[in-house]
C-alpha atoms as a PDB file:
ATOM      1  CA  UNK A   1      48.153 146.364 182.312  1.00  0.00           C
ATOM      2  CA  UNK A   2      49.366 147.924 185.566  1.00  0.00           C
ATOM      3  CA  UNK A   3      49.121 146.086 188.581  1.00  0.00           C
ATOM      4  CA  UNK A   4      47.813 147.626 191.857  1.00  0.00           C
ATOM      5  CA  UNK A   5      50.080 147.023 195.117  1.00  0.00           C
ATOM      6  CA  UNK A   6      47.153 145.216 196.910  1.00  0.00           C
ATOM      7  CA  UNK A   7      47.145 143.047 193.678  1.00  0.00           C
ATOM      8  CA  UNK A   8      50.331 142.325 193.495  1.00  0.00           C
ATOM      9  CA  UNK A   9      50.300 141.498 197.476  1.00  0.00           C
ATOM     10  CA  UNK A  10      47.658 138.943 196.987  1.00  0.00           C
ATOM     11  CA  UNK A  11      49.275 137.383 193.745  1.00  0.00           C
ATOM     12  CA  UNK A  12      52.531 136.940 195.985  1.00  0.00           C
ATOM     13  CA  UNK A  13      50.345 135.645 199.070  1.00  0.00           C
ATOM     14  CA  UNK A  14      48.703 132.800 196.383  1.00  0.00           C
ATOM     15  CA  UNK A  15      52.069 131.793 195.723  1.00  0.00           C
ATOM     16  CA  UNK A  16      53.598 131.768 199.055  1.00  0.00           C
ATOM     17  CA  UNK A  17      50.596 129.696 200.709  1.00  0.00           C
ATOM     18  CA  UNK A  18      50.581 126.928 197.871  1.00  0.00           C
ATOM     19  CA  UNK A  19      54.277 126.476 198.454  1.00  0.00           C
ATOM     20  CA  UNK A  20      53.776 126.220 202.171  1.00  0.00           C
ATOM     21  CA  UNK A  21      51.143 123.325 201.154  1.00  0.00           C
ATOM     22  CA  UNK A  22      53.091 121.454 198.976  1.00  0.00           C
ATOM     23  CA  UNK A  23      56.363 121.459 201.974  1.00  0.00           C
ATOM     24  CA  UNK A  24      53.714 120.375 204.534  1.00  0.00           C
ATOM     25  CA  UNK A  25      52.599 117.253 202.032  1.00  0.00           C
ATOM     26  CA  UNK A  26      56.419 116.675 201.517  1.00  0.00           C
ATOM     27  CA  UNK A  27      57.750 116.697 204.970  1.00  0.00           C
ATOM     28  CA  UNK A  28      54.449 114.588 206.202  1.00  0.00           C
ATOM     29  CA  UNK A  29      55.839 112.161 203.880  1.00  0.00           C
ATOM     30  CA  UNK A  30      59.368 112.075 204.839  1.00  0.00           C
ATOM     31  CA  UNK A  31      58.200 112.049 208.462  1.00  0.00           C
ATOM     32  CA  UNK A  32      55.667 108.762 208.046  1.00  0.00           C
ATOM     33  CA  UNK A  33      58.827 107.127 206.476  1.00  0.00           C
ATOM     34  CA  UNK A  34      61.274 107.683 209.168  1.00  0.00           C
ATOM     35  CA  UNK A  35      58.587 106.866 212.176  1.00  0.00           C
ATOM     36  CA  UNK A  36      57.817 103.496 210.916  1.00  0.00           C
ATOM     37  CA  UNK A  37      61.921 102.848 210.374  1.00  0.00           C
ATOM     38  CA  UNK A  38      62.617 104.429 213.726  1.00  0.00           C
ATOM     39  CA  UNK A  39      59.974 104.441 216.447  1.00  0.00           C
ATOM     40  CA  UNK A  40      61.199 107.575 217.762  1.00  0.00           C
ATOM     41  CA  UNK A  41      58.728 109.529 219.902  1.00  0.00           C
ATOM     42  CA  UNK A  42      60.902 113.068 218.843  1.00  0.00           C
ATOM     43  CA  UNK A  43      59.724 111.975 214.698  1.00  0.00           C
ATOM     44  CA  UNK A  44      56.094 110.904 216.313  1.00  0.00           C
ATOM     45  CA  UNK A  45      55.955 114.481 217.644  1.00  0.00           C
ATOM     46  CA  UNK A  46      57.540 115.886 214.688  1.00  0.00           C
ATOM     47  CA  UNK A  47      55.111 113.992 212.077  1.00  0.00           C
ATOM     48  CA  UNK A  48      52.149 115.231 214.379  1.00  0.00           C
ATOM     49  CA  UNK A  49      52.890 118.549 213.784  1.00  0.00           C
ATOM     50  CA  UNK A  50      53.759 118.954 210.376  1.00  0.00           C
ATOM     51  CA  UNK A  51      50.369 116.369 210.081  1.00  0.00           C
ATOM     52  CA  UNK A  52      48.558 119.676 211.696  1.00  0.00           C
ATOM     53  CA  UNK A  53      50.976 122.361 209.781  1.00  0.00           C
ATOM     54  CA  UNK A  54      49.211 121.229 206.524  1.00  0.00           C
ATOM     55  CA  UNK A  55      45.700 121.609 207.561  1.00  0.00           C
ATOM     56  CA  UNK A  56      46.741 124.819 209.175  1.00  0.00           C
ATOM     57  CA  UNK A  57      48.133 125.790 205.784  1.00  0.00           C
ATOM     58  CA  UNK A  58      45.176 124.799 203.917  1.00  0.00           C
ATOM     59  CA  UNK A  59      43.505 127.130 205.802  1.00  0.00           C
ATOM     60  CA  UNK A  60      45.988 129.706 205.481  1.00  0.00           C
ATOM     61  CA  UNK A  61      45.717 128.698 201.315  1.00  0.00           C
ATOM     62  CA  UNK A  62      41.606 129.289 201.693  1.00  0.00           C
ATOM     63  CA  UNK A  63      41.670 132.704 203.590  1.00  0.00           C
ATOM     64  CA  UNK A  64      44.140 134.152 201.708  1.00  0.00           C
ATOM     65  CA  UNK A  65      42.077 133.713 198.348  1.00  0.00           C
ATOM     66  CA  UNK A  66      38.877 134.971 200.392  1.00  0.00           C
ATOM     67  CA  UNK A  67      40.395 137.634 201.833  1.00  0.00           C
ATOM     68  CA  UNK A  68      41.391 138.977 198.121  1.00  0.00           C
ATOM     69  CA  UNK A  69      38.379 139.163 197.063  1.00  0.00           C
ATOM     70  CA  UNK A  70      37.088 142.706 196.404  1.00  0.00           C
ATOM     71  CA  UNK A  71      34.288 144.214 198.505  1.00  0.00           C
ATOM     72  CA  UNK A  72      30.552 143.614 197.734  1.00  0.00           C
ATOM     73  CA  UNK A  73      27.577 144.559 198.699  1.00  0.00           C
ATOM     74  CA  UNK A  74      27.538 142.466 201.797  1.00  0.00           C
ATOM     75  CA  UNK A  75      31.166 143.487 202.919  1.00  0.00           C
ATOM     76  CA  UNK A  76      32.137 146.770 202.149  1.00  0.00           C
ATOM     77  CA  UNK A  77      35.433 146.933 204.019  1.00  0.00           C
ATOM     78  CA  UNK A  78      36.359 143.848 202.106  1.00  0.00           C
ATOM     79  CA  UNK A  79      37.020 140.496 203.000  1.00  0.00           C
ATOM     80  CA  UNK A  80      40.612 141.255 204.502  1.00  0.00           C
ATOM     81  CA  UNK A  81      39.566 139.514 208.255  1.00  0.00           C
ATOM     82  CA  UNK A  82      39.906 136.352 206.369  1.00  0.00           C
ATOM     83  CA  UNK A  83      42.748 136.396 207.473  1.00  0.00           C
ATOM     84  CA  UNK A  84      42.390 136.918 211.149  1.00  0.00           C
ATOM     85  CA  UNK A  85      40.085 133.821 211.347  1.00  0.00           C
ATOM     86  CA  UNK A  86      42.882 131.850 209.398  1.00  0.00           C
ATOM     87  CA  UNK A  87      45.573 132.129 212.275  1.00  0.00           C
ATOM     88  CA  UNK A  88      42.456 131.580 215.085  1.00  0.00           C
ATOM     89  CA  UNK A  89      42.658 128.289 212.983  1.00  0.00           C
ATOM     90  CA  UNK A  90      46.541 127.745 213.231  1.00  0.00           C
ATOM     91  CA  UNK A  91      46.469 128.566 216.999  1.00  0.00           C
ATOM     92  CA  UNK A  92      43.892 126.049 217.580  1.00  0.00           C
ATOM     93  CA  UNK A  93      45.780 123.738 215.252  1.00  0.00           C
ATOM     94  CA  UNK A  94      49.002 124.595 217.048  1.00  0.00           C
ATOM     95  CA  UNK A  95      47.483 124.244 220.720  1.00  0.00           C
ATOM     96  CA  UNK A  96      45.813 120.536 219.701  1.00  0.00           C
ATOM     97  CA  UNK A  97      49.084 119.208 218.327  1.00  0.00           C
ATOM     98  CA  UNK A  98      51.017 120.458 221.422  1.00  0.00           C
ATOM     99  CA  UNK A  99      48.500 118.686 224.045  1.00  0.00           C
ATOM    100  CA  UNK A 100      49.082 115.296 222.287  1.00  0.00           C
ATOM    101  CA  UNK A 101      52.911 115.172 221.667  1.00  0.00           C
ATOM    102  CA  UNK A 102      53.152 116.448 225.457  1.00  0.00           C
ATOM    103  CA  UNK A 103      51.078 113.359 226.555  1.00  0.00           C
ATOM    104  CA  UNK A 104      52.699 111.232 224.062  1.00  0.00           C
ATOM    105  CA  UNK A 105      56.149 112.393 225.494  1.00  0.00           C
ATOM    106  CA  UNK A 106      55.280 111.681 229.030  1.00  0.00           C
ATOM    107  CA  UNK A 107      54.251 108.208 228.630  1.00  0.00           C
ATOM    108  CA  UNK A 108      57.241 107.277 227.192  1.00  0.00           C
ATOM    109  CA  UNK A 109      59.286 109.118 229.760  1.00  0.00           C
ATOM    110  CA  UNK A 110      57.909 106.495 232.570  1.00  0.00           C
ATOM    111  CA  UNK A 111      57.976 103.936 229.154  1.00  0.00           C
ATOM    112  CA  UNK A 112      60.761 104.410 227.663  1.00  0.00           C
ATOM    113  CA  UNK A 113      61.542 102.413 224.117  1.00  0.00           C
ATOM    114  CA  UNK A 114      64.365 102.464 222.233  1.00  0.00           C
ATOM    115  CA  UNK A 115      64.909 104.196 218.772  1.00  0.00           C
ATOM    116  CA  UNK A 116      65.694 101.644 216.174  1.00  0.00           C
ATOM    117  CA  UNK A 117      66.896 102.613 212.581  1.00  0.00           C
ATOM    118  CA  UNK A 118      68.156 106.297 213.690  1.00  0.00           C
ATOM    119  CA  UNK A 119      70.653 107.098 210.870  1.00  0.00           C
ATOM    120  CA  UNK A 120      67.508 107.037 208.416  1.00  0.00           C
ATOM    121  CA  UNK A 121      65.424 109.224 211.568  1.00  0.00           C
ATOM    122  CA  UNK A 122      68.324 111.525 211.616  1.00  0.00           C
ATOM    123  CA  UNK A 123      68.538 111.650 207.457  1.00  0.00           C
ATOM    124  CA  UNK A 124      64.744 112.811 207.464  1.00  0.00           C
ATOM    125  CA  UNK A 125      65.217 115.325 210.703  1.00  0.00           C
ATOM    126  CA  UNK A 126      68.307 117.228 208.589  1.00  0.00           C
ATOM    127  CA  UNK A 127      66.540 117.023 205.415  1.00  0.00           C
ATOM    128  CA  UNK A 128      63.027 118.440 207.174  1.00  0.00           C
ATOM    129  CA  UNK A 129      64.995 121.587 208.976  1.00  0.00           C
ATOM    130  CA  UNK A 130      66.615 121.720 205.609  1.00  0.00           C
ATOM    131  CA  UNK A 131      63.486 122.272 204.208  1.00  0.00           C
ATOM    132  CA  UNK A 132      61.783 124.164 206.600  1.00  0.00           C
ATOM    133  CA  UNK A 133      64.699 126.883 206.706  1.00  0.00           C
ATOM    134  CA  UNK A 134      64.328 127.773 202.648  1.00  0.00           C
ATOM    135  CA  UNK A 135      60.372 128.034 203.563  1.00  0.00           C
ATOM    136  CA  UNK A 136      60.340 130.289 206.532  1.00  0.00           C
ATOM    137  CA  UNK A 137      63.051 132.346 204.470  1.00  0.00           C
ATOM    138  CA  UNK A 138      60.554 132.900 201.739  1.00  0.00           C
ATOM    139  CA  UNK A 139      57.798 133.111 203.814  1.00  0.00           C
ATOM    140  CA  UNK A 140      60.299 136.040 205.144  1.00  0.00           C
ATOM    141  CA  UNK A 141      60.546 137.920 201.747  1.00  0.00           C
ATOM    142  CA  UNK A 142      56.787 137.285 200.776  1.00  0.00           C
ATOM    143  CA  UNK A 143      55.220 139.494 204.534  1.00  0.00           C
ATOM    144  CA  UNK A 144      57.959 141.912 203.930  1.00  0.00           C
ATOM    145  CA  UNK A 145      56.612 142.510 200.878  1.00  0.00           C
ATOM    146  CA  UNK A 146      52.864 142.249 201.869  1.00  0.00           C
ATOM    147  CA  UNK A 147      52.534 142.320 205.356  1.00  0.00           C
ATOM    148  CA  UNK A 148      49.828 139.856 205.394  1.00  0.00           C
ATOM    149  CA  UNK A 149      48.651 138.415 208.768  1.00  0.00           C
ATOM    150  CA  UNK A 150      48.275 135.256 207.432  1.00  0.00           C
ATOM    151  CA  UNK A 151      51.591 134.375 205.549  1.00  0.00           C
ATOM    152  CA  UNK A 152      52.764 135.666 208.408  1.00  0.00           C
ATOM    153  CA  UNK A 153      50.971 133.602 211.493  1.00  0.00           C
ATOM    154  CA  UNK A 154      52.056 130.703 208.803  1.00  0.00           C
ATOM    155  CA  UNK A 155      55.470 131.288 209.152  1.00  0.00           C
ATOM    156  CA  UNK A 156      55.771 131.881 212.528  1.00  0.00           C
ATOM    157  CA  UNK A 157      54.144 128.586 212.957  1.00  0.00           C
ATOM    158  CA  UNK A 158      56.771 127.211 210.533  1.00  0.00           C
ATOM    159  CA  UNK A 159      59.771 129.280 212.688  1.00  0.00           C
ATOM    160  CA  UNK A 160      58.764 127.303 215.819  1.00  0.00           C
ATOM    161  CA  UNK A 161      59.230 123.906 213.835  1.00  0.00           C
ATOM    162  CA  UNK A 162      62.013 124.759 212.104  1.00  0.00           C
ATOM    163  CA  UNK A 163      63.564 125.113 216.307  1.00  0.00           C
ATOM    164  CA  UNK A 164      61.474 121.992 216.975  1.00  0.00           C
ATOM    165  CA  UNK A 165      63.246 120.033 214.565  1.00  0.00           C
ATOM    166  CA  UNK A 166      66.236 121.109 216.029  1.00  0.00           C
ATOM    167  CA  UNK A 167      65.723 119.117 219.443  1.00  0.00           C
ATOM    168  CA  UNK A 168      63.642 116.556 217.720  1.00  0.00           C
ATOM    169  CA  UNK A 169      67.281 115.665 216.224  1.00  0.00           C
ATOM    170  CA  UNK A 170      69.060 116.273 219.428  1.00  0.00           C
ATOM    171  CA  UNK A 171      66.099 113.574 220.757  1.00  0.00           C
ATOM    172  CA  UNK A 172      66.881 110.995 218.320  1.00  0.00           C
ATOM    173  CA  UNK A 173      70.842 111.473 218.002  1.00  0.00           C
ATOM    174  CA  UNK A 174      70.581 110.611 221.727  1.00  0.00           C
ATOM    175  CA  UNK A 175      68.203 107.742 221.373  1.00  0.00           C
ATOM    176  CA  UNK A 176      70.280 106.097 218.749  1.00  0.00           C
ATOM    177  CA  UNK A 177      73.502 107.056 219.398  1.00  0.00           C
ATOM    178  CA  UNK A 178      73.859 107.583 223.393  1.00  0.00           C
ATOM    179  CA  UNK A 179      71.059 104.602 223.629  1.00  0.00           C
ATOM    180  CA  UNK A 180      69.132 107.077 226.092  1.00  0.00           C
ATOM    181  CA  UNK A 181      65.443 106.308 224.617  1.00  0.00           C
ATOM    182  CA  UNK A 182      64.445 109.103 227.992  1.00  0.00           C
ATOM    183  CA  UNK A 183      66.526 111.576 226.273  1.00  0.00           C
ATOM    184  CA  UNK A 184      63.911 110.912 223.278  1.00  0.00           C
ATOM    185  CA  UNK A 185      60.865 111.462 224.990  1.00  0.00           C
ATOM    186  CA  UNK A 186      61.714 114.804 226.764  1.00  0.00           C
ATOM    187  CA  UNK A 187      62.896 115.954 223.808  1.00  0.00           C
ATOM    188  CA  UNK A 188      59.028 115.422 222.522  1.00  0.00           C
ATOM    189  CA  UNK A 189      58.019 116.866 225.334  1.00  0.00           C
ATOM    190  CA  UNK A 190      60.425 120.365 224.949  1.00  0.00           C
ATOM    191  CA  UNK A 191      58.696 119.974 221.331  1.00  0.00           C
ATOM    192  CA  UNK A 192      55.355 120.022 222.942  1.00  0.00           C
ATOM    193  CA  UNK A 193      56.361 123.150 225.369  1.00  0.00           C
ATOM    194  CA  UNK A 194      57.482 125.083 222.610  1.00  0.00           C
ATOM    195  CA  UNK A 195      54.695 124.535 220.015  1.00  0.00           C
ATOM    196  CA  UNK A 196      51.681 125.752 223.112  1.00  0.00           C
ATOM    197  CA  UNK A 197      54.172 128.766 223.672  1.00  0.00           C
ATOM    198  CA  UNK A 198      54.189 129.575 220.414  1.00  0.00           C
ATOM    199  CA  UNK A 199      49.958 129.967 220.339  1.00  0.00           C
ATOM    200  CA  UNK A 200      50.285 132.704 222.254  1.00  0.00           C
ATOM    201  CA  UNK A 201      51.553 135.163 219.858  1.00  0.00           C
ATOM    202  CA  UNK A 202      49.038 133.741 216.976  1.00  0.00           C
ATOM    203  CA  UNK A 203      46.501 134.401 219.066  1.00  0.00           C
ATOM    204  CA  UNK A 204      47.904 137.699 220.248  1.00  0.00           C
ATOM    205  CA  UNK A 205      47.532 138.700 216.454  1.00  0.00           C
ATOM    206  CA  UNK A 206      44.963 137.542 215.100  1.00  0.00           C
ATOM    207  CA  UNK A 207      42.909 139.089 218.550  1.00  0.00           C
ATOM    208  CA  UNK A 208      44.273 142.208 217.408  1.00  0.00           C
ATOM    209  CA  UNK A 209      42.793 142.213 213.596  1.00  0.00           C
ATOM    210  CA  UNK A 210      39.955 140.918 213.854  1.00  0.00           C
ATOM    211  CA  UNK A 211      39.204 143.228 217.046  1.00  0.00           C
ATOM    212  CA  UNK A 212      40.411 146.084 214.659  1.00  0.00           C
ATOM    213  CA  UNK A 213      43.406 147.030 216.612  1.00  0.00           C
ATOM    214  CA  UNK A 214      44.924 150.771 215.584  1.00  0.00           C
ATOM    215  CA  UNK A 215      48.075 151.177 213.110  1.00  0.00           C
ATOM    216  CA  UNK A 216      51.149 151.840 215.425  1.00  0.00           C
ATOM    217  CA  UNK A 217      52.195 155.327 216.861  1.00  0.00           C
ATOM    218  CA  UNK A 218      54.674 155.965 214.001  1.00  0.00           C
ATOM    219  CA  UNK A 219      52.159 155.137 211.315  1.00  0.00           C
ATOM    220  CA  UNK A 220      49.553 157.193 212.808  1.00  0.00           C
ATOM    221  CA  UNK A 221      52.716 160.150 213.332  1.00  0.00           C
ATOM    222  CA  UNK A 222      52.883 159.588 209.923  1.00  0.00           C
ATOM    223  CA  UNK A 223      49.561 159.797 208.468  1.00  0.00           C
ATOM    224  CA  UNK A 224      49.012 162.853 210.137  1.00  0.00           C
ATOM    225  CA  UNK A 225      52.116 164.501 209.047  1.00  0.00           C
ATOM    226  CA  UNK A 226      50.956 163.778 205.296  1.00  0.00           C
ATOM    227  CA  UNK A 227      48.233 165.357 205.420  1.00  0.00           C
ATOM    228  CA  UNK A 228      49.426 168.478 207.522  1.00  0.00           C
ATOM    229  CA  UNK A 229      51.454 169.145 204.922  1.00  0.00           C
ATOM    230  CA  UNK A 230      48.993 171.503 203.523  1.00  0.00           C
ATOM    231  CA  UNK A 231      49.028 174.393 205.202  1.00  0.00           C
ATOM    232  CA  UNK A 232      45.712 174.832 204.648  1.00  0.00           C
ATOM    233  CA  UNK A 233      44.624 171.905 207.096  1.00  0.00           C
ATOM    234  CA  UNK A 234      44.766 173.672 210.446  1.00  0.00           C
ATOM    235  CA  UNK A 235      43.931 169.947 212.153  1.00  0.00           C
ATOM    236  CA  UNK A 236      43.291 166.574 212.124  1.00  0.00           C
ATOM    237  CA  UNK A 237      41.345 164.756 214.913  1.00  0.00           C
ATOM    238  CA  UNK A 238      38.871 161.825 215.330  1.00  0.00           C
ATOM    239  CA  UNK A 239      41.475 160.001 213.844  1.00  0.00           C
ATOM    240  CA  UNK A 240      40.665 156.054 213.352  1.00  0.00           C
ATOM    241  CA  UNK A 241      42.904 152.739 211.708  1.00  0.00           C
ATOM    242  CA  UNK A 242      42.391 149.323 211.303  1.00  0.00           C
ATOM    243  CA  UNK A 243      43.462 146.874 209.674  1.00  0.00           C
ATOM    244  CA  UNK A 244      41.338 144.780 206.668  1.00  0.00           C
ATOM    245  CA  UNK A 245      43.499 142.284 205.134  1.00  0.00           C
ATOM    246  CA  UNK A 246      46.514 143.993 203.699  1.00  0.00           C
ATOM    247  CA  UNK A 247      44.599 147.308 203.514  1.00  0.00           C
ATOM    248  CA  UNK A 248      45.225 150.063 206.108  1.00  0.00           C
ATOM    249  CA  UNK A 249      41.793 151.595 206.356  1.00  0.00           C
ATOM    250  CA  UNK A 250      41.967 155.320 207.754  1.00  0.00           C
ATOM    251  CA  UNK A 251      39.145 157.953 209.106  1.00  0.00           C
ATOM    252  CA  UNK A 252      39.381 161.299 210.016  1.00  0.00           C
ATOM    253  CA  UNK A 253      38.393 164.799 210.066  1.00  0.00           C
ATOM    254  CA  UNK A 254      40.110 167.607 209.188  1.00  0.00           C
ATOM    255  CA  UNK A 255      39.309 171.387 209.642  1.00  0.00           C
ATOM    256  CA  UNK A 256      39.661 173.685 207.139  1.00  0.00           C
ATOM    257  CA  UNK A 257      38.690 177.249 206.774  1.00  0.00           C
ATOM    258  CA  UNK A 258      34.780 177.588 206.581  1.00  0.00           C
ATOM    259  CA  UNK A 259      34.523 180.179 203.634  1.00  0.00           C
ATOM    260  CA  UNK A 260      36.080 177.863 201.072  1.00  0.00           C
ATOM    261  CA  UNK A 261      33.904 176.652 198.626  1.00  0.00           C
ATOM    262  CA  UNK A 262      32.967 172.499 198.353  1.00  0.00           C
ATOM    263  CA  UNK A 263      34.933 172.348 195.136  1.00  0.00           C
ATOM    264  CA  UNK A 264      38.242 173.902 197.245  1.00  0.00           C
ATOM    265  CA  UNK A 265      37.515 171.653 200.079  1.00  0.00           C
ATOM    266  CA  UNK A 266      37.266 168.800 198.200  1.00  0.00           C
ATOM    267  CA  UNK A 267      40.283 169.281 196.280  1.00  0.00           C
ATOM    268  CA  UNK A 268      42.198 169.679 198.924  1.00  0.00           C
ATOM    269  CA  UNK A 269      41.085 166.490 201.127  1.00  0.00           C
ATOM    270  CA  UNK A 270      41.800 164.902 198.014  1.00  0.00           C
ATOM    271  CA  UNK A 271      45.526 165.802 197.254  1.00  0.00           C
ATOM    272  CA  UNK A 272      45.842 164.758 201.657  1.00  0.00           C
ATOM    273  CA  UNK A 273      44.555 160.988 200.456  1.00  0.00           C
ATOM    274  CA  UNK A 274      47.103 160.771 197.454  1.00  0.00           C
ATOM    275  CA  UNK A 275      50.250 161.785 199.938  1.00  0.00           C
ATOM    276  CA  UNK A 276      49.002 159.723 202.514  1.00  0.00           C
ATOM    277  CA  UNK A 277      48.967 156.487 199.524  1.00  0.00           C
ATOM    278  CA  UNK A 278      52.277 157.508 198.759  1.00  0.00           C
ATOM    279  CA  UNK A 279      53.417 156.544 202.111  1.00  0.00           C
ATOM    280  CA  UNK A 280      50.603 153.791 202.532  1.00  0.00           C
ATOM    281  CA  UNK A 281      49.973 152.131 199.127  1.00  0.00           C
ATOM    282  CA  UNK A 282      47.318 150.009 200.528  1.00  0.00           C
ATOM    283  CA  UNK A 283      45.595 152.435 202.614  1.00  0.00           C
ATOM    284  CA  UNK A 284      41.336 153.095 202.025  1.00  0.00           C
ATOM    285  CA  UNK A 285      41.343 156.823 202.788  1.00  0.00           C
ATOM    286  CA  UNK A 286      38.122 158.408 204.080  1.00  0.00           C
ATOM    287  CA  UNK A 287      38.719 162.351 204.939  1.00  0.00           C
ATOM    288  CA  UNK A 288      35.629 164.270 206.638  1.00  0.00           C
ATOM    289  CA  UNK A 289      36.199 167.868 206.006  1.00  0.00           C
ATOM    290  CA  UNK A 290      35.161 170.541 209.030  1.00  0.00           C
ATOM    291  CA  UNK A 291      34.562 174.087 208.927  1.00  0.00           C
ATOM    292  CA  UNK A 292      36.975 175.482 210.977  1.00  0.00           C
ATOM    293  CA  UNK A 293      35.589 176.588 214.575  1.00  0.00           C
ATOM    294  CA  UNK A 294      31.560 175.071 213.787  1.00  0.00           C
ATOM    295  CA  UNK A 295      32.152 171.418 213.163  1.00  0.00           C
ATOM    296  CA  UNK A 296      31.263 169.769 216.808  1.00  0.00           C
ATOM    297  CA  UNK A 297      29.467 168.158 218.011  1.00  0.00           C
ATOM    298  CA  UNK A 298      29.695 164.882 216.359  1.00  0.00           C
ATOM    299  CA  UNK A 299      26.514 162.186 216.652  1.00  0.00           C
ATOM    300  CA  UNK A 300      27.001 158.456 216.129  1.00  0.00           C
ATOM    301  CA  UNK A 301      27.401 155.537 218.211  1.00  0.00           C
ATOM    302  CA  UNK A 302      31.198 156.577 219.071  1.00  0.00           C
ATOM    303  CA  UNK A 303      30.715 160.020 219.101  1.00  0.00           C
ATOM    304  CA  UNK A 304      33.445 161.584 221.680  1.00  0.00           C
ATOM    305  CA  UNK A 305      33.348 165.132 222.462  1.00  0.00           C
ATOM    306  CA  UNK A 306      36.042 167.420 220.504  1.00  0.00           C
ATOM    307  CA  UNK A 307      39.683 167.599 222.636  1.00  0.00           C
ATOM    308  CA  UNK A 308      40.286 171.041 223.753  1.00  0.00           C
ATOM    309  CA  UNK A 309      42.275 173.149 221.997  1.00  0.00           C
ATOM    310  CA  UNK A 310      45.807 172.414 224.101  1.00  0.00           C
ATOM    311  CA  UNK A 311      45.132 169.125 222.894  1.00  0.00           C
ATOM    312  CA  UNK A 312      44.416 169.085 218.975  1.00  0.00           C
ATOM    313  CA  UNK A 313      46.632 167.915 216.481  1.00  0.00           C
ATOM    314  CA  UNK A 314      47.652 171.292 214.442  1.00  0.00           C
ATOM    315  CA  UNK A 315      50.998 170.287 213.432  1.00  0.00           C
ATOM    316  CA  UNK A 316      53.258 167.244 212.294  1.00  0.00           C
ATOM    317  CA  UNK A 317      54.293 166.092 215.937  1.00  0.00           C
ATOM    318  CA  UNK A 318      57.491 165.661 216.101  1.00  0.00           C
ATOM    319  CA  UNK A 319      59.470 162.668 216.636  1.00  0.00           C
ATOM    320  CA  UNK A 320      59.749 163.467 220.351  1.00  0.00           C
ATOM    321  CA  UNK A 321      56.464 163.791 220.603  1.00  0.00           C
ATOM    322  CA  UNK A 322      53.080 160.917 220.822  1.00  0.00           C
ATOM    323  CA  UNK A 323      51.360 161.076 217.964  1.00  0.00           C
ATOM    324  CA  UNK A 324      47.639 162.337 218.774  1.00  0.00           C
ATOM    325  CA  UNK A 325      45.409 160.198 220.178  1.00  0.00           C
ATOM    326  CA  UNK A 326      42.562 158.502 218.107  1.00  0.00           C
ATOM    327  CA  UNK A 327      39.081 158.994 218.786  1.00  0.00           C
ATOM    328  CA  UNK A 328      36.149 157.372 216.496  1.00  0.00           C
ATOM    329  CA  UNK A 329      34.855 159.685 214.107  1.00  0.00           C
ATOM    330  CA  UNK A 330      31.572 160.078 213.409  1.00  0.00           C
ATOM    331  CA  UNK A 331      29.625 159.059 210.073  1.00  0.00           C
ATOM    332  CA  UNK A 332      30.761 160.271 206.991  1.00  0.00           C
ATOM    333  CA  UNK A 333      29.457 162.516 204.787  1.00  0.00           C
ATOM    334  CA  UNK A 334      26.294 161.293 203.554  1.00  0.00           C
ATOM    335  CA  UNK A 335      26.452 163.183 199.861  1.00  0.00           C
ATOM    336  CA  UNK A 336      25.637 161.010 197.532  1.00  0.00           C
ATOM    337  CA  UNK A 337      28.051 162.793 194.283  1.00  0.00           C
ATOM    338  CA  UNK A 338      30.624 160.953 192.625  1.00  0.00           C
ATOM    339  CA  UNK A 339      33.793 161.141 194.308  1.00  0.00           C
ATOM    340  CA  UNK A 340      37.379 161.301 192.224  1.00  0.00           C
ATOM    341  CA  UNK A 341      38.929 159.202 195.704  1.00  0.00           C
ATOM    342  CA  UNK A 342      42.119 157.260 195.252  1.00  0.00           C
ATOM    343  CA  UNK A 343      43.224 154.152 196.955  1.00  0.00           C
ATOM    344  CA  UNK A 344      43.287 150.235 196.249  1.00  0.00           C
ATOM    345  CA  UNK A 345      39.136 150.248 196.590  1.00  0.00           C
ATOM    346  CA  UNK A 346      37.899 153.005 194.702  1.00  0.00           C
END
């Protein structure tokens, strides 16, 4: 049985999120042991972060499975926004962690406490660094395959943890070998600032996804180039793109010869969809055919006037030129006839 690219992406995200949860549990056990043995504020900071990692990883674990649910009568665009919600949860957890760790570190700076059994703490931190590095590497491979926003957010979280654990190691070594517990507390404060800074990218990625940020200029130019390979398509306008989980949603209007039959126009747009899918296998594409020279104006909540002739996209943009600007399209054709459209949700 042939597995679709979208199904394969969902299976990859399910596996990597399961591994992420298991890793978080293992790190919590190791760091709790090290904290009990050493009393290090750096270890406390790292343990608190790993605990929130577990909560965030569980949210991601649930979100990617929710996002993988196919469209239903109430969610015709699927459930991909669940990944954006998971990223928001992650950002909130990271921010809460940074506030807690920062407060504890400041308290310890003014009231230093010795680090005991530092050898155990150092060993646990080194092991945590190795485990986290392995998870980040596997998450990176998963993101390359799927482009998952939720997994990318989880990877960013663990990548920050990796750097934070290095700082923790410095703090524990300082408190143990140099007998300078103030440096241990300062290392915890550095971890707190690092985590707070990391929330910026998490929040930005989640907001872009939930607010339907358009695909990149390069991706839009590639879409237009694929569609206009057919000389019978004279113009692409009202191009609109957004992400819904792993799926790239693409809508556009194209100008065709007004004398074409409905069947001929349908075949031309169907071939255009297939060309776009070759470049973007996870895309869901809707192309509205307009009779050239007599298509506008379109109505609708986001209707906009058609650009003047010099601004219309009639040929694929050369690499040095900017791709056509996106203007929201009107409602798609209301024909109830069966469609031969192809794509992940067809």
